[in-house]
Amino acid sequence: MAKRNNSEEATINLTPMIDVVFLLVIFFMVGSKFSEAESRIKVNVPSVGQMQSMARVPDERVVAIGIDGTVTLDDSPMSLSQLTQTLRQEHANYPGLKVAVRGEAQGSQQQLVDVLQAVRVSGVDQIGIATKRIQR
């Protein structure tokens, strides 16, 4: 085996890093000058007449099951038939709709199964069950 020459010491060349830091400093100094100049430019922004609000596309809805068995869809209490009807309408409008079901740990498992069945009957095929990770 060849012996390593101990007379050479490893060195770290900091020159490229210093060059990059200086380039970043110059870049941000020049960029800030442009933003100052842009803020001084006066622009007349056009006004809008009658404006309609854009409807938020619900990509995920949350169904919560209370410990007493109450069912809520995004904080709106409703029965299982109302839940099925509401989700059926929303799924018709938004085919990519996702539903997350949250149930109480001490709640009725039958109520959870009933809610999952109601969501499934509504036509939603992307169903998730919210859980909490146990710390070990």
Foldseek 3Di string as FASTA:
>chain_A
DDDDDPVDDDDDDCVVVVVVVVVVVVVVVVVVVVVVVVVPDDDDDDDDDDDDDDDDQAQEWEWEAEQVGFIDINNHTDDLVVVLVVLLVSCVVPVNHAYEYEYDPNHDPVSVVSNVVSNVNSVRDHYHYDDDDDDD
